[in-house]
Amino acid sequence: MDFPKFLLGDNTDYPTAIFIIHTDYPRFIINLEDDEVEWLEDFTKEDEAELTEEAKKLIAEATAFYDREISRYEE
């Protein structure tokens, strides 16, 4: 099954949280309420150094995805 690159999620146990799930490598979930990121991958020390810039780019893309989705609801 193919998934979109980003998914929007919520949960009634976290009523103020807004979750964006990144489904491609490196997979992660970001809570836009507090910008906390939970990585769903195991990284080596070498991976961590390489992924620092990539992570910034992906988190910016996740935020842009959220903004786009919300603007569609407002239309």
PDB file of N, CA and C in Angstrom:
ATOM      1  N   MET A   1       0.844  -1.177   0.000  1.00  0.00           N
ATOM      2  CA  MET A   1       0.000   0.000   0.000  1.00  0.00           C
ATOM      3  C   MET A   1       0.889   1.239   0.000  1.00  0.00           C
ATOM      4  N   ASP A   2       0.539   2.207  -0.819  1.00  0.00           N
ATOM      5  CA  ASP A   2       1.264   3.469  -0.854  1.00  0.00           C
ATOM      6  C   ASP A   2       0.603   4.479   0.069  1.00  0.00           C
ATOM      7  N   PHE A   3       1.427   5.214   0.798  1.00  0.00           N
ATOM      8  CA  PHE A   3       0.941   6.274   1.668  1.00  0.00           C
ATOM      9  C   PHE A   3       1.454   7.610   1.151  1.00  0.00           C
ATOM     10  N   PRO A   4       0.724   8.691   1.438  1.00  0.00           N
ATOM     11  CA  PRO A   4       1.270  10.008   1.127  1.00  0.00           C
ATOM     12  C   PRO A   4       2.525  10.248   1.962  1.00  0.00           C
ATOM     13  N   LYS A   5       3.351  11.187   1.524  1.00  0.00           N
ATOM     14  CA  LYS A   5       4.589  11.490   2.247  1.00  0.00           C
ATOM     15  C   LYS A   5       4.295  11.989   3.654  1.00  0.00           C
ATOM     16  N   PHE A   6       3.231  12.792   3.819  1.00  0.00           N
ATOM     17  CA  PHE A   6       2.844  13.313   5.130  1.00  0.00           C
ATOM     18  C   PHE A   6       1.390  12.970   5.408  1.00  0.00           C
ATOM     19  N   LEU A   7       1.112  12.691   6.678  1.00  0.00           N
ATOM     20  CA  LEU A   7      -0.252  12.470   7.144  1.00  0.00           C
ATOM     21  C   LEU A   7      -0.504  13.396   8.323  1.00  0.00           C
ATOM     22  N   LEU A   8      -1.720  13.894   8.433  1.00  0.00           N
ATOM     23  CA  LEU A   8      -2.131  14.737   9.543  1.00  0.00           C
ATOM     24  C   LEU A   8      -2.851  13.853  10.546  1.00  0.00           C
ATOM     25  N   GLY A   9      -2.494  13.968  11.830  1.00  0.00           N
ATOM     26  CA  GLY A   9      -3.117  13.122  12.831  1.00  0.00           C
ATOM     27  C   GLY A   9      -3.498  13.895  14.075  1.00  0.00           C
ATOM     28  N   ASP A  10      -4.531  13.387  14.751  1.00  0.00           N
ATOM     29  CA  ASP A  10      -4.889  13.933  16.048  1.00  0.00           C
ATOM     30  C   ASP A  10      -5.347  12.792  16.939  1.00  0.00           C
ATOM     31  N   ASN A  11      -5.529  13.100  18.207  1.00  0.00           N
ATOM     32  CA  ASN A  11      -5.911  12.089  19.173  1.00  0.00           C
ATOM     33  C   ASN A  11      -6.621  12.793  20.318  1.00  0.00           C
ATOM     34  N   THR A  12      -7.781  12.280  20.719  1.00  0.00           N
ATOM     35  CA  THR A  12      -8.544  12.940  21.782  1.00  0.00           C
ATOM     36  C   THR A  12      -7.837  12.899  23.133  1.00  0.00           C
ATOM     37  N   ASP A  13      -6.862  12.021  23.298  1.00  0.00           N
ATOM     38  CA  ASP A  13      -6.079  12.013  24.542  1.00  0.00           C
ATOM     39  C   ASP A  13      -5.114  13.195  24.606  1.00  0.00           C
ATOM     40  N   TYR A  14      -4.859  13.823  23.464  1.00  0.00           N
ATOM     41  CA  TYR A  14      -3.987  14.997  23.354  1.00  0.00           C
ATOM     42  C   TYR A  14      -4.759  16.081  22.594  1.00  0.00           C
ATOM     43  N   PRO A  15      -5.735  16.697  23.251  1.00  0.00           N
ATOM     44  CA  PRO A  15      -6.672  17.569  22.533  1.00  0.00           C
ATOM     45  C   PRO A  15      -6.055  18.805  21.892  1.00  0.00           C
ATOM     46  N   THR A  16      -4.908  19.265  22.356  1.00  0.00           N
ATOM     47  CA  THR A  16      -4.306  20.463  21.761  1.00  0.00           C
ATOM     48  C   THR A  16      -3.158  20.130  20.807  1.00  0.00           C
ATOM     49  N   ALA A  17      -2.804  18.872  20.719  1.00  0.00           N
ATOM     50  CA  ALA A  17      -1.685  18.450  19.874  1.00  0.00           C
ATOM     51  C   ALA A  17      -2.140  18.270  18.424  1.00  0.00           C
ATOM     52  N   ILE A  18      -1.243  18.593  17.521  1.00  0.00           N
ATOM     53  CA  ILE A  18      -1.440  18.349  16.094  1.00  0.00           C
ATOM     54  C   ILE A  18      -0.214  17.568  15.630  1.00  0.00           C
ATOM     55  N   PHE A  19      -0.439  16.368  15.133  1.00  0.00           N
ATOM     56  CA  PHE A  19       0.659  15.506  14.723  1.00  0.00           C
ATOM     57  C   PHE A  19       0.768  15.462  13.200  1.00  0.00           C
ATOM     58  N   ILE A  20       2.004  15.548  12.712  1.00  0.00           N
ATOM     59  CA  ILE A  20       2.303  15.314  11.308  1.00  0.00           C
ATOM     60  C   ILE A  20       3.194  14.079  11.268  1.00  0.00           C
ATOM     61  N   ILE A  21       2.784  13.091  10.483  1.00  0.00           N
ATOM     62  CA  ILE A  21       3.531  11.844  10.359  1.00  0.00           C
ATOM     63  C   ILE A  21       4.223  11.839   8.996  1.00  0.00           C
ATOM     64  N   HIS A  22       5.539  11.676   9.018  1.00  0.00           N
ATOM     65  CA  HIS A  22       6.318  11.567   7.775  1.00  0.00           C
ATOM     66  C   HIS A  22       6.512  10.077   7.522  1.00  0.00           C
ATOM     67  N   THR A  23       6.025   9.591   6.380  1.00  0.00           N
ATOM     68  CA  THR A  23       5.997   8.155   6.128  1.00  0.00           C
ATOM     69  C   THR A  23       7.180   7.631   5.326  1.00  0.00           C
ATOM     70  N   ASP A  24       7.993   8.534   4.746  1.00  0.00           N
ATOM     71  CA  ASP A  24       9.187   8.124   4.007  1.00  0.00           C
ATOM     72  C   ASP A  24      10.382   8.099   4.949  1.00  0.00           C
ATOM     73  N   TYR A  25      11.469   7.478   4.494  1.00  0.00           N
ATOM     74  CA  TYR A  25      12.699   7.485   5.294  1.00  0.00           C
ATOM     75  C   TYR A  25      13.289   8.884   5.312  1.00  0.00           C
ATOM     76  N   PRO A  26      13.690   9.360   6.423  1.00  0.00           N
ATOM     77  CA  PRO A  26      13.575   8.821   7.778  1.00  0.00           C
ATOM     78  C   PRO A  26      12.202   9.156   8.362  1.00  0.00           C
ATOM     79  N   ARG A  27      11.510   8.132   8.807  1.00  0.00           N
ATOM     80  CA  ARG A  27      10.158   8.298   9.331  1.00  0.00           C
ATOM     81  C   ARG A  27      10.193   9.011  10.685  1.00  0.00           C
ATOM     82  N   PHE A  28       9.217   9.888  10.887  1.00  0.00           N
ATOM     83  CA  PHE A  28       9.113  10.581  12.165  1.00  0.00           C
ATOM     84  C   PHE A  28       7.698  11.106  12.358  1.00  0.00           C
ATOM     85  N   ILE A  29       7.415  11.473  13.596  1.00  0.00           N
ATOM     86  CA  ILE A  29       6.172  12.156  13.945  1.00  0.00           C
ATOM     87  C   ILE A  29       6.571  13.444  14.653  1.00  0.00           C
ATOM     88  N   ILE A  30       5.989  14.555  14.216  1.00  0.00           N
ATOM     89  CA  ILE A  30       6.241  15.829  14.881  1.00  0.00           C
ATOM     90  C   ILE A  30       4.938  16.318  15.484  1.00  0.00           C
ATOM     91  N   ASN A  31       5.020  16.777  16.716  1.00  0.00           N
ATOM     92  CA  ASN A  31       3.892  17.389  17.385  1.00  0.00           C
ATOM     93  C   ASN A  31       4.044  18.899  17.199  1.00  0.00           C
ATOM     94  N   LEU A  32       3.184  19.498  16.398  1.00  0.00           N
ATOM     95  CA  LEU A  32       3.314  20.924  16.104  1.00  0.00           C
ATOM     96  C   LEU A  32       2.990  21.808  17.298  1.00  0.00           C
ATOM     97  N   GLU A  33       2.366  21.240  18.313  1.00  0.00           N
ATOM     98  CA  GLU A  33       2.067  22.019  19.520  1.00  0.00           C
ATOM     99  C   GLU A  33       3.352  22.465  20.208  1.00  0.00           C
ATOM    100  N   ASP A  34       4.331  21.550  20.272  1.00  0.00           N
ATOM    101  CA  ASP A  34       5.578  21.864  20.984  1.00  0.00           C
ATOM    102  C   ASP A  34       6.830  21.566  20.152  1.00  0.00           C
ATOM    103  N   ASP A  35       6.641  21.231  18.880  1.00  0.00           N
ATOM    104  CA  ASP A  35       7.730  20.918  17.944  1.00  0.00           C
ATOM    105  C   ASP A  35       8.571  19.718  18.372  1.00  0.00           C
ATOM    106  N   GLU A  36       8.028  18.860  19.216  1.00  0.00           N
ATOM    107  CA  GLU A  36       8.740  17.646  19.609  1.00  0.00           C
ATOM    108  C   GLU A  36       8.703  16.649  18.458  1.00  0.00           C
ATOM    109  N   VAL A  37       9.856  16.055  18.164  1.00  0.00           N
ATOM    110  CA  VAL A  37       9.975  15.085  17.072  1.00  0.00           C
ATOM    111  C   VAL A  37      10.305  13.722  17.652  1.00  0.00           C
ATOM    112  N   GLU A  38       9.573  12.726  17.206  1.00  0.00           N
ATOM    113  CA  GLU A  38       9.845  11.340  17.582  1.00  0.00           C
ATOM    114  C   GLU A  38      10.262  10.609  16.309  1.00  0.00           C
ATOM    115  N   TRP A  39      11.514  10.171  16.275  1.00  0.00           N
ATOM    116  CA  TRP A  39      12.024   9.449  15.108  1.00  0.00           C
ATOM    117  C   TRP A  39      11.612   7.993  15.203  1.00  0.00           C
ATOM    118  N   LEU A  40      11.191   7.419  14.105  1.00  0.00           N
ATOM    119  CA  LEU A  40      10.766   6.022  14.052  1.00  0.00           C
ATOM    120  C   LEU A  40      11.829   5.138  13.415  1.00  0.00           C
ATOM    121  N   GLU A  41      13.028   5.639  13.372  1.00  0.00           N
ATOM    122  CA  GLU A  41      14.180   4.927  12.811  1.00  0.00           C
ATOM    123  C   GLU A  41      15.277   4.872  13.867  1.00  0.00           C
ATOM    124  N   ASP A  42      16.140   3.897  13.747  1.00  0.00           N
ATOM    125  CA  ASP A  42      17.353   3.835  14.565  1.00  0.00           C
ATOM    126  C   ASP A  42      18.503   4.364  13.718  1.00  0.00           C
ATOM    127  N   PHE A  43      19.256   5.298  14.283  1.00  0.00           N
ATOM    128  CA  PHE A  43      20.354   5.923  13.556  1.00  0.00           C
ATOM    129  C   PHE A  43      21.689   5.609  14.211  1.00  0.00           C
ATOM    130  N   THR A  44      22.711   5.503  13.372  1.00  0.00           N
ATOM    131  CA  THR A  44      24.077   5.406  13.883  1.00  0.00           C
ATOM    132  C   THR A  44      24.599   6.825  14.084  1.00  0.00           C
ATOM    133  N   LYS A  45      25.729   6.964  14.722  1.00  0.00           N
ATOM    134  CA  LYS A  45      26.342   8.281  14.913  1.00  0.00           C
ATOM    135  C   LYS A  45      26.626   8.944  13.565  1.00  0.00           C
ATOM    136  N   GLU A  46      27.071   8.165  12.585  1.00  0.00           N
ATOM    137  CA  GLU A  46      27.334   8.698  11.258  1.00  0.00           C
ATOM    138  C   GLU A  46      26.043   9.205  10.609  1.00  0.00           C
ATOM    139  N   ASP A  47      24.945   8.457  10.778  1.00  0.00           N
ATOM    140  CA  ASP A  47      23.649   8.867  10.237  1.00  0.00           C
ATOM    141  C   ASP A  47      23.197  10.187  10.851  1.00  0.00           C
ATOM    142  N   GLU A  48      23.357  10.320  12.156  1.00  0.00           N
ATOM    143  CA  GLU A  48      22.886  11.511  12.855  1.00  0.00           C
ATOM    144  C   GLU A  48      23.533  12.772  12.300  1.00  0.00           C
ATOM    145  N   ALA A  49      24.819  12.733  12.079  1.00  0.00           N
ATOM    146  CA  ALA A  49      25.508  13.910  11.546  1.00  0.00           C
ATOM    147  C   ALA A  49      24.991  14.249  10.154  1.00  0.00           C
ATOM    148  N   GLU A  50      24.774  13.237   9.338  1.00  0.00           N
ATOM    149  CA  GLU A  50      24.316  13.439   7.966  1.00  0.00           C
ATOM    150  C   GLU A  50      22.866  13.918   7.914  1.00  0.00           C
ATOM    151  N   LEU A  51      22.043  13.479   8.864  1.00  0.00           N
ATOM    152  CA  LEU A  51      20.620  13.782   8.826  1.00  0.00           C
ATOM    153  C   LEU A  51      20.250  15.125   9.454  1.00  0.00           C
ATOM    154  N   THR A  52      21.181  15.806  10.071  1.00  0.00           N
ATOM    155  CA  THR A  52      20.866  17.067  10.737  1.00  0.00           C
ATOM    156  C   THR A  52      20.254  18.067   9.768  1.00  0.00           C
ATOM    157  N   GLU A  53      20.905  18.305   8.648  1.00  0.00           N
ATOM    158  CA  GLU A  53      20.370  19.252   7.662  1.00  0.00           C
ATOM    159  C   GLU A  53      19.100  18.716   7.009  1.00  0.00           C
ATOM    160  N   GLU A  54      19.091  17.430   6.722  1.00  0.00           N
ATOM    161  CA  GLU A  54      17.910  16.812   6.120  1.00  0.00           C
ATOM    162  C   GLU A  54      16.708  16.934   7.051  1.00  0.00           C
ATOM    163  N   ALA A  55      16.926  16.762   8.347  1.00  0.00           N
ATOM    164  CA  ALA A  55      15.842  16.860   9.323  1.00  0.00           C
ATOM    165  C   ALA A  55      15.245  18.263   9.323  1.00  0.00           C
ATOM    166  N   LYS A  56      16.075  19.284   9.271  1.00  0.00           N
ATOM    167  CA  LYS A  56      15.568  20.663   9.232  1.00  0.00           C
ATOM    168  C   LYS A  56      14.670  20.866   8.023  1.00  0.00           C
ATOM    169  N   LYS A  57      15.109  20.348   6.879  1.00  0.00           N
ATOM    170  CA  LYS A  57      14.342  20.476   5.636  1.00  0.00           C
ATOM    171  C   LYS A  57      13.011  19.734   5.739  1.00  0.00           C
ATOM    172  N   LEU A  58      13.040  18.514   6.270  1.00  0.00           N
ATOM    173  CA  LEU A  58      11.823  17.717   6.384  1.00  0.00           C
ATOM    174  C   LEU A  58      10.826  18.327   7.362  1.00  0.00           C
ATOM    175  N   ILE A  59      11.315  18.886   8.453  1.00  0.00           N
ATOM    176  CA  ILE A  59      10.423  19.509   9.428  1.00  0.00           C
ATOM    177  C   ILE A  59       9.786  20.756   8.821  1.00  0.00           C
ATOM    178  N   ALA A  60      10.537  21.511   8.044  1.00  0.00           N
ATOM    179  CA  ALA A  60       9.967  22.663   7.334  1.00  0.00           C
ATOM    180  C   ALA A  60       8.905  22.196   6.338  1.00  0.00           C
ATOM    181  N   GLU A  61       9.155  21.096   5.645  1.00  0.00           N
ATOM    182  CA  GLU A  61       8.170  20.546   4.709  1.00  0.00           C
ATOM    183  C   GLU A  61       6.910  20.094   5.452  1.00  0.00           C
ATOM    184  N   ALA A  62       7.080  19.498   6.620  1.00  0.00           N
ATOM    185  CA  ALA A  62       5.936  19.045   7.419  1.00  0.00           C
ATOM    186  C   ALA A  62       5.076  20.233   7.838  1.00  0.00           C
ATOM    187  N   THR A  63       5.716  21.309   8.233  1.00  0.00           N
ATOM    188  CA  THR A  63       4.988  22.509   8.629  1.00  0.00           C
ATOM    189  C   THR A  63       4.260  23.116   7.433  1.00  0.00           C
ATOM    190  N   ALA A  64       4.905  23.149   6.285  1.00  0.00           N
ATOM    191  CA  ALA A  64       4.269  23.660   5.066  1.00  0.00           C
ATOM    192  C   ALA A  64       3.077  22.781   4.671  1.00  0.00           C
ATOM    193  N   PHE A  65       3.221  21.473   4.835  1.00  0.00           N
ATOM    194  CA  PHE A  65       2.113  20.549   4.565  1.00  0.00           C
ATOM    195  C   PHE A  65       0.923  20.892   5.452  1.00  0.00           C
ATOM    196  N   TYR A  66       1.178  21.101   6.740  1.00  0.00           N
ATOM    197  CA  TYR A  66       0.102  21.436   7.670  1.00  0.00           C
ATOM    198  C   TYR A  66      -0.583  22.746   7.251  1.00  0.00           C
ATOM    199  N   ASP A  67       0.201  23.758   6.946  1.00  0.00           N
ATOM    200  CA  ASP A  67      -0.361  25.045   6.531  1.00  0.00           C
ATOM    201  C   ASP A  67      -1.231  24.886   5.287  1.00  0.00           C
ATOM    202  N   ARG A  68      -0.767  24.082   4.329  1.00  0.00           N
ATOM    203  CA  ARG A  68      -1.532  23.838   3.113  1.00  0.00           C
ATOM    204  C   ARG A  68      -2.854  23.136   3.426  1.00  0.00           C
ATOM    205  N   GLU A  69      -2.797  22.118   4.275  1.00  0.00           N
ATOM    206  CA  GLU A  69      -4.002  21.374   4.622  1.00  0.00           C
ATOM    207  C   GLU A  69      -5.016  22.270   5.325  1.00  0.00           C
ATOM    208  N   ILE A  70      -4.566  23.082   6.256  1.00  0.00           N
ATOM    209  CA  ILE A  70      -5.468  23.961   6.987  1.00  0.00           C
ATOM    210  C   ILE A  70      -6.071  25.003   6.053  1.00  0.00           C
ATOM    211  N   SER A  71      -5.297  25.522   5.128  1.00  0.00           N
ATOM    212  CA  SER A  71      -5.843  26.510   4.189  1.00  0.00           C
ATOM    213  C   SER A  71      -6.932  25.881   3.326  1.00  0.00           C
ATOM    214  N   ARG A  72      -6.833  24.604   3.046  1.00  0.00           N
ATOM    215  CA  ARG A  72      -7.873  23.925   2.254  1.00  0.00           C
ATOM    216  C   ARG A  72      -9.167  23.786   3.037  1.00  0.00           C
ATOM    217  N   TYR A  73      -9.075  23.611   4.363  1.00  0.00           N
ATOM    218  CA  TYR A  73     -10.268  23.546   5.197  1.00  0.00           C
ATOM    219  C   TYR A  73     -10.959  24.905   5.249  1.00  0.00           C
ATOM    220  N   GLU A  74     -10.166  25.961   5.225  1.00  0.00           N
ATOM    221  CA  GLU A  74     -10.706  27.312   5.342  1.00  0.00           C
ATOM    222  C   GLU A  74     -11.390  27.784   4.074  1.00  0.00           C
ATOM    223  N   GLU A  75     -11.118  27.138   2.942  1.00  0.00           N
ATOM    224  CA  GLU A  75     -11.703  27.565   1.656  1.00  0.00           C
ATOM    225  C   GLU A  75     -13.144  27.259   1.580  1.00  0.00           C
TER     226      GLU A  75
END
